[in-house]
Structure formats: structure tokens, C-alpha cells
């Protein structure tokens, strides 16, 4: 697991709430994610996990409270500004460009980070740098043999690996992964967990994940979200032994 420091939180939620009309989805959340930490949010369906990710990544604005990225307030900012500030996110449903090659999918993110555009007069040196960085990400996610394959032709687990690679191309220090192993076999899940461990080394990871074997083997701390409130935040071992957590979630869902 990553070494945890006592610096300013990489990500901090202070009394964050979100309502849709009369429905309170999240209520008074307080959560600090430490720099370099791998942190999981677990909870039953309908607990508000996706809404939480949407707030952090800028898809929604909080109804109240504050969200800070490395000490700077980002609550209510647009997704592209939050991304530029150093946060990248994958989605629960695979979000790739199916009719482009694997290499092209990754290169788009690298080009955006360097503000390099396609065009007749683009810098050759700039494109060499982009291509080199794209190749590096391609190798890190283990898809070098599929570089020229159409993204839509990849297996499901390969598409998930590609999406993780696309989050890396932004150069973000804080990575949000939304159920990265959902729908995978046991073997695919183990490979995905090892990939996540490798590519997030030195970065801060916040993930939503239902597979408890992934959560307990990969993460430094776990927060349990139930009915829009954080029931507990602790180490995986203490969370698994927490009676309230067992009754509210683990006892219902069971370790997967």
C-alpha cells in the first residue's frame, strides 16, 4: 500500500450535501483523502456513491458545503477545469471512442494536456513528445500489443484498462475510478486490481468498488456510505470488524 503523509488533504469534503428537489441524496459529508492514499467508498445500491463522484468531478454542483482539491475549492467548477486542476475520473460505464484505435484514444488525452491540436502546421517535435508519452501510457496499462486495434474490438477488461489509461494521460495526481472491476471474471478482476495498484503508485486514488476482495487488498482506508451519510471511515481490517458496517452493508452484501 502507498505511504500516507500528514500533508494538506489531496481531496477534502466539508459538510457536503446534495439534493434533487425534495430528495436529499447526500447529507453533510465530511471526508479527507490523504496524498498518496488509496481510498475506497463502499455502500449498498442507492447510497449516493455515483452522486458523490459526480460532485467531486464537476458533473453536479453541491447544494451546500465545500470540496477542495489540494487545498483549492473546486465545488461547482466545470469538469474540464477540475481536470486541469489535477483530477481525472473514469466512469462506471466504459467511456471510450470505439471507432478509433487504442493508440488514438490515448493520444487524444495527451494532446489535450499539452494543448496540441491536429492540423497541417502542428509542431513535429510536439507530436513526437505526444507520441512518446502515449506509448508510455500504452505500455503501463499493458495494451502495447493492441495499439492499432479499434477500441471497440477490445475485450471488456481491455476496454476498462484503456479507460484507466485515458485517465492517466491527463497527468492528474488524483484519480477517481468508478467500479473499475464491475462485470469482470475473478481472473480479470485480479489482473485489473494489480494494474490499478501499479499505475496509481505515487498518486492519490479514490474508488467506488463492490468487490470486497479488491477493496480490502488494494486500499489503505475505506469509507462506508449508507443512505447519503458516511457511516464509518477506517482501515479495511477495522471496517470489516465494525458491527454497524456489518449490519448496514457487509452483512447484507457479503464479501465478494
Protein backbone atom coordinates (compact mmCIF):
# COMPACT_ATOMS: atom_id res chain seq x y z
CA UNK A 1 0.00 0.00 0.00
CA UNK A 2 1.07 3.58 -0.53
CA UNK A 3 2.84 5.51 2.22
CA UNK A 4 0.45 8.04 3.76
CA UNK A 5 1.58 11.54 4.72
CA UNK A 6 0.07 14.17 7.01
CA UNK A 7 0.07 16.96 4.43
CA UNK A 8 -2.90 19.03 3.29
CA UNK A 9 -5.56 16.56 2.09
CA UNK A 10 -5.37 15.75 -1.60
CA UNK A 11 -9.16 15.84 -1.60
CA UNK A 12 -11.38 17.25 1.13
CA UNK A 13 -15.15 17.35 1.51
CA UNK A 14 -16.54 19.62 4.22
CA UNK A 15 -20.23 19.33 5.16
CA UNK A 16 -21.16 18.49 1.56
CA UNK A 17 -24.81 17.90 0.75
CA UNK A 18 -26.69 17.33 -2.48
CA UNK A 19 -30.44 17.49 -3.01
CA UNK A 20 -32.56 16.97 -6.10
CA UNK A 21 -35.76 18.83 -5.35
CA UNK A 22 -37.13 17.42 -2.08
CA UNK A 23 -34.82 14.39 -2.18
CA UNK A 24 -31.66 14.58 -0.05
CA UNK A 25 -29.16 12.25 -1.73
CA UNK A 26 -26.06 13.25 0.27
CA UNK A 27 -26.16 14.84 3.71
CA UNK A 28 -23.34 16.62 5.47
CA UNK A 29 -20.42 14.55 4.19
CA UNK A 30 -17.01 15.17 5.74
CA UNK A 31 -14.12 13.26 4.21
CA UNK A 32 -10.37 13.79 3.89
CA UNK A 33 -8.38 11.81 1.32
CA UNK A 34 -4.68 11.93 2.13
CA UNK A 35 -1.96 12.49 -0.50
CA UNK A 36 -0.80 9.17 -1.92
CA UNK A 37 -3.67 7.26 -0.32
CA UNK A 38 -5.76 4.57 -1.99
CA UNK A 39 -9.25 5.08 -0.59
CA UNK A 40 -12.45 3.18 -1.37
CA UNK A 41 -16.07 4.21 -0.94
CA UNK A 42 -18.42 1.27 -0.47
CA UNK A 43 -22.12 1.04 0.26
CA UNK A 44 -25.38 -0.51 -0.91
CA UNK A 45 -27.05 0.48 -4.15
CA UNK A 46 -28.73 3.86 -3.81
CA UNK A 47 -26.35 5.04 -1.09
CA UNK A 48 -25.22 8.04 -3.17
CA UNK A 49 -21.83 6.82 -4.38
CA UNK A 50 -22.30 7.91 -8.02
CA UNK A 51 -23.66 11.27 -6.89
CA UNK A 52 -20.59 11.72 -4.72
CA UNK A 53 -18.30 11.09 -7.70
CA UNK A 54 -20.37 13.44 -9.86
CA UNK A 55 -19.96 16.20 -7.28
CA UNK A 56 -16.21 15.75 -6.98
CA UNK A 57 -15.65 15.61 -10.76
CA UNK A 58 -17.88 18.59 -11.52
CA UNK A 59 -20.86 16.86 -13.14
CA UNK A 60 -23.04 18.30 -10.36
CA UNK A 61 -22.58 21.29 -8.07
CA UNK A 62 -23.05 20.65 -4.34
CA UNK A 63 -26.20 22.06 -2.75
CA UNK A 64 -24.08 23.11 0.21
CA UNK A 65 -20.62 22.58 1.63
CA UNK A 66 -17.15 22.77 0.11
CA UNK A 67 -14.96 20.45 -1.95
CA UNK A 68 -11.21 21.13 -2.09
CA UNK A 69 -8.54 19.65 -4.33
CA UNK A 70 -5.09 20.08 -2.80
CA UNK A 71 -6.40 22.98 -0.74
CA UNK A 72 -8.22 24.78 -3.57
CA UNK A 73 -12.00 24.93 -3.71
CA UNK A 74 -13.44 23.10 -6.75
CA UNK A 75 -17.09 22.73 -5.73
CA UNK A 76 -19.26 23.86 -8.65
CA UNK A 77 -16.40 24.15 -11.16
CA UNK A 78 -16.89 22.58 -14.59
CA UNK A 79 -15.37 19.14 -15.23
CA UNK A 80 -12.67 20.42 -17.60
CA UNK A 81 -11.46 22.99 -15.07
CA UNK A 82 -11.34 20.35 -12.34
CA UNK A 83 -9.40 18.11 -14.69
CA UNK A 84 -6.90 20.88 -15.39
CA UNK A 85 -6.54 21.36 -11.64
CA UNK A 86 -5.28 17.78 -11.36
CA UNK A 87 -8.20 15.35 -11.02
CA UNK A 88 -9.19 12.66 -13.56
CA UNK A 89 -12.10 10.26 -13.48
CA UNK A 90 -13.24 7.03 -15.11
CA UNK A 91 -16.91 6.09 -15.33
CA UNK A 92 -18.95 3.07 -14.25
CA UNK A 93 -19.97 2.57 -17.89
CA UNK A 94 -16.96 2.29 -20.19
CA UNK A 95 -16.40 5.64 -21.88
CA UNK A 96 -14.06 5.26 -24.87
CA UNK A 97 -14.03 6.10 -28.58
CA UNK A 98 -14.97 2.76 -30.14
CA UNK A 99 -14.15 3.71 -33.75
CA UNK A 100 -10.65 4.93 -33.00
CA UNK A 101 -7.58 2.83 -32.32
CA UNK A 102 -6.30 2.21 -28.81
CA UNK A 103 -3.32 4.45 -29.52
CA UNK A 104 -5.55 7.25 -30.83
CA UNK A 105 -7.80 7.06 -27.75
CA UNK A 106 -4.81 7.59 -25.50
CA UNK A 107 -3.18 10.20 -27.73
CA UNK A 108 -6.24 12.46 -27.52
CA UNK A 109 -5.73 12.84 -23.78
CA UNK A 110 -2.02 13.53 -24.11
CA UNK A 111 -2.65 16.11 -26.84
CA UNK A 112 -5.25 17.85 -24.71
CA UNK A 113 -2.84 18.08 -21.78
CA UNK A 114 -0.15 19.64 -23.98
CA UNK A 115 -2.72 21.75 -25.87
CA UNK A 116 -1.56 20.23 -29.17
CA UNK A 117 -4.19 20.12 -31.92
CA UNK A 118 -4.45 18.18 -35.14
CA UNK A 119 -3.55 20.38 -38.09
CA UNK A 120 -1.29 20.93 -41.04
CA UNK A 121 1.07 23.23 -39.16
CA UNK A 122 1.39 21.37 -35.88
CA UNK A 123 4.89 21.04 -34.43
CA UNK A 124 6.67 17.82 -35.38
CA UNK A 125 8.65 17.95 -32.14
CA UNK A 126 5.44 18.47 -30.20
CA UNK A 127 3.85 15.44 -31.84
CA UNK A 128 6.94 13.31 -31.14
CA UNK A 129 6.61 14.16 -27.47
CA UNK A 130 2.89 13.36 -27.59
CA UNK A 131 3.51 10.03 -29.32
CA UNK A 132 6.28 9.10 -26.86
CA UNK A 133 4.07 9.85 -23.86
CA UNK A 134 1.17 7.97 -25.45
CA UNK A 135 3.38 4.92 -25.97
CA UNK A 136 4.48 5.12 -22.33
CA UNK A 137 0.86 5.06 -21.08
CA UNK A 138 0.06 2.27 -23.54
CA UNK A 139 2.83 0.15 -22.03
CA UNK A 140 1.84 0.98 -18.45
CA UNK A 141 -1.69 -0.38 -18.97
CA UNK A 142 -0.43 -3.45 -20.86
CA UNK A 143 -2.07 -2.70 -24.20
CA UNK A 144 1.00 -2.23 -26.38
CA UNK A 145 0.09 -5.32 -28.46
CA UNK A 146 -3.34 -3.79 -29.14
CA UNK A 147 -2.11 -0.30 -30.09
CA UNK A 148 -3.57 -0.38 -33.61
CA UNK A 149 -6.73 -2.30 -32.74
CA UNK A 150 -10.03 -0.49 -32.80
CA UNK A 151 -11.10 0.24 -29.24
CA UNK A 152 -14.50 -1.29 -29.96
CA UNK A 153 -12.83 -4.62 -30.75
CA UNK A 154 -11.17 -4.94 -27.34
CA UNK A 155 -12.45 -7.34 -24.72
CA UNK A 156 -14.40 -5.79 -21.87
CA UNK A 157 -11.46 -5.98 -19.46
CA UNK A 158 -9.16 -4.46 -22.09
CA UNK A 159 -11.61 -1.59 -22.58
CA UNK A 160 -11.56 -0.94 -18.85
CA UNK A 161 -7.75 -0.93 -18.92
CA UNK A 162 -7.90 1.55 -21.82
CA UNK A 163 -10.20 3.82 -19.84
CA UNK A 164 -7.81 3.74 -16.90
CA UNK A 165 -5.06 4.66 -19.35
CA UNK A 166 -7.13 7.59 -20.57
CA UNK A 167 -7.30 8.95 -17.02
CA UNK A 168 -3.50 8.68 -16.81
CA UNK A 169 -2.95 10.69 -20.00
CA UNK A 170 -4.20 13.82 -18.24
CA UNK A 171 -1.26 13.74 -15.85
CA UNK A 172 -3.64 14.11 -12.89
CA UNK A 173 -2.35 13.37 -9.39
CA UNK A 174 -5.81 12.47 -8.07
CA UNK A 175 -7.60 9.59 -9.82
CA UNK A 176 -11.27 8.63 -9.39
CA UNK A 177 -12.27 5.15 -10.56
CA UNK A 178 -15.95 4.21 -10.59
CA UNK A 179 -16.38 0.43 -10.18
CA UNK A 180 -13.32 -0.45 -12.31
CA UNK A 181 -13.80 -4.23 -11.96
CA UNK A 182 -17.57 -4.38 -12.45
CA UNK A 183 -18.64 -7.22 -14.75
CA UNK A 184 -15.24 -8.95 -14.72
CA UNK A 185 -14.45 -12.58 -14.01
CA UNK A 186 -12.37 -13.46 -10.95
CA UNK A 187 -9.22 -13.74 -13.07
CA UNK A 188 -9.90 -10.45 -14.85
CA UNK A 189 -10.60 -8.76 -11.52
CA UNK A 190 -7.26 -9.88 -10.09
CA UNK A 191 -5.42 -8.54 -13.14
CA UNK A 192 -7.34 -5.26 -13.00
CA UNK A 193 -6.54 -4.80 -9.31
CA UNK A 194 -2.85 -5.35 -9.97
CA UNK A 195 -2.97 -2.87 -12.86
CA UNK A 196 -4.63 -0.26 -10.65
CA UNK A 197 -2.03 -0.84 -7.95
CA UNK A 198 0.79 -0.34 -10.44
CA UNK A 199 -0.48 2.73 -12.30
CA UNK A 200 -1.62 4.62 -9.18
CA UNK A 201 1.71 4.27 -7.39
CA UNK A 202 2.62 7.76 -6.15
CA UNK A 203 -0.86 9.12 -6.94
CA UNK A 204 -3.99 9.55 -4.86
CA UNK A 205 -6.80 7.11 -5.66
CA UNK A 206 -10.45 7.33 -4.71
CA UNK A 207 -12.54 4.45 -5.98
CA UNK A 208 -16.06 3.09 -5.76
CA UNK A 209 -15.92 -0.69 -5.82
CA UNK A 210 -18.29 -3.51 -4.89
CA UNK A 211 -15.75 -6.34 -4.90
CA UNK A 212 -14.57 -6.51 -1.31
CA UNK A 213 -11.52 -8.62 -2.18
CA UNK A 214 -10.30 -5.73 -4.35
CA UNK A 215 -11.10 -3.10 -1.74
CA UNK A 216 -9.51 -4.93 1.17
CA UNK A 217 -6.34 -5.89 -0.71
CA UNK A 218 -5.76 -2.60 -2.51
CA UNK A 219 -6.92 0.27 -0.31
CA UNK A 220 -5.39 1.98 2.70
CA UNK A 221 -8.74 3.18 4.08
CA UNK A 222 -12.41 2.59 3.37
CA UNK A 223 -15.44 4.84 3.83
CA UNK A 224 -18.89 3.29 4.10
CA UNK A 225 -21.70 5.38 2.61
CA UNK A 226 -25.24 4.46 3.68
CA UNK A 227 -28.37 6.48 2.89
CA UNK A 228 -26.36 9.56 1.93
CA UNK A 229 -24.21 9.64 5.06
CA UNK A 230 -20.75 8.29 5.86
CA UNK A 231 -21.24 5.63 8.48
CA UNK A 232 -17.54 4.95 9.10
CA UNK A 233 -14.05 5.58 7.72
CA UNK A 234 -11.20 3.32 8.78
CA UNK A 235 -8.69 0.72 7.67
CA UNK A 236 -10.08 -2.28 5.76
CA UNK A 237 -9.48 -4.54 8.76
CA UNK A 238 -11.37 -2.30 11.18
CA UNK A 239 -14.17 -1.70 8.69
CA UNK A 240 -14.68 -5.46 8.26
CA UNK A 241 -14.89 -5.83 12.06
CA UNK A 242 -17.23 -2.86 12.57
CA UNK A 243 -20.60 -4.11 13.82
CA UNK A 244 -22.56 -1.18 12.38
CA UNK A 245 -20.96 -1.68 8.98
CA UNK A 246 -21.69 -5.40 9.06
CA UNK A 247 -25.34 -4.74 9.80
CA UNK A 248 -25.73 -1.86 7.32
CA UNK A 249 -23.76 -3.21 4.40
CA UNK A 250 -21.32 -6.10 4.67
CA UNK A 251 -23.86 -8.31 6.36
CA UNK A 252 -26.30 -7.66 3.52
CA UNK A 253 -23.92 -7.80 0.58
CA UNK A 254 -21.36 -10.26 1.84
CA UNK A 255 -17.70 -10.31 0.89
CA UNK A 256 -17.38 -10.93 -2.84
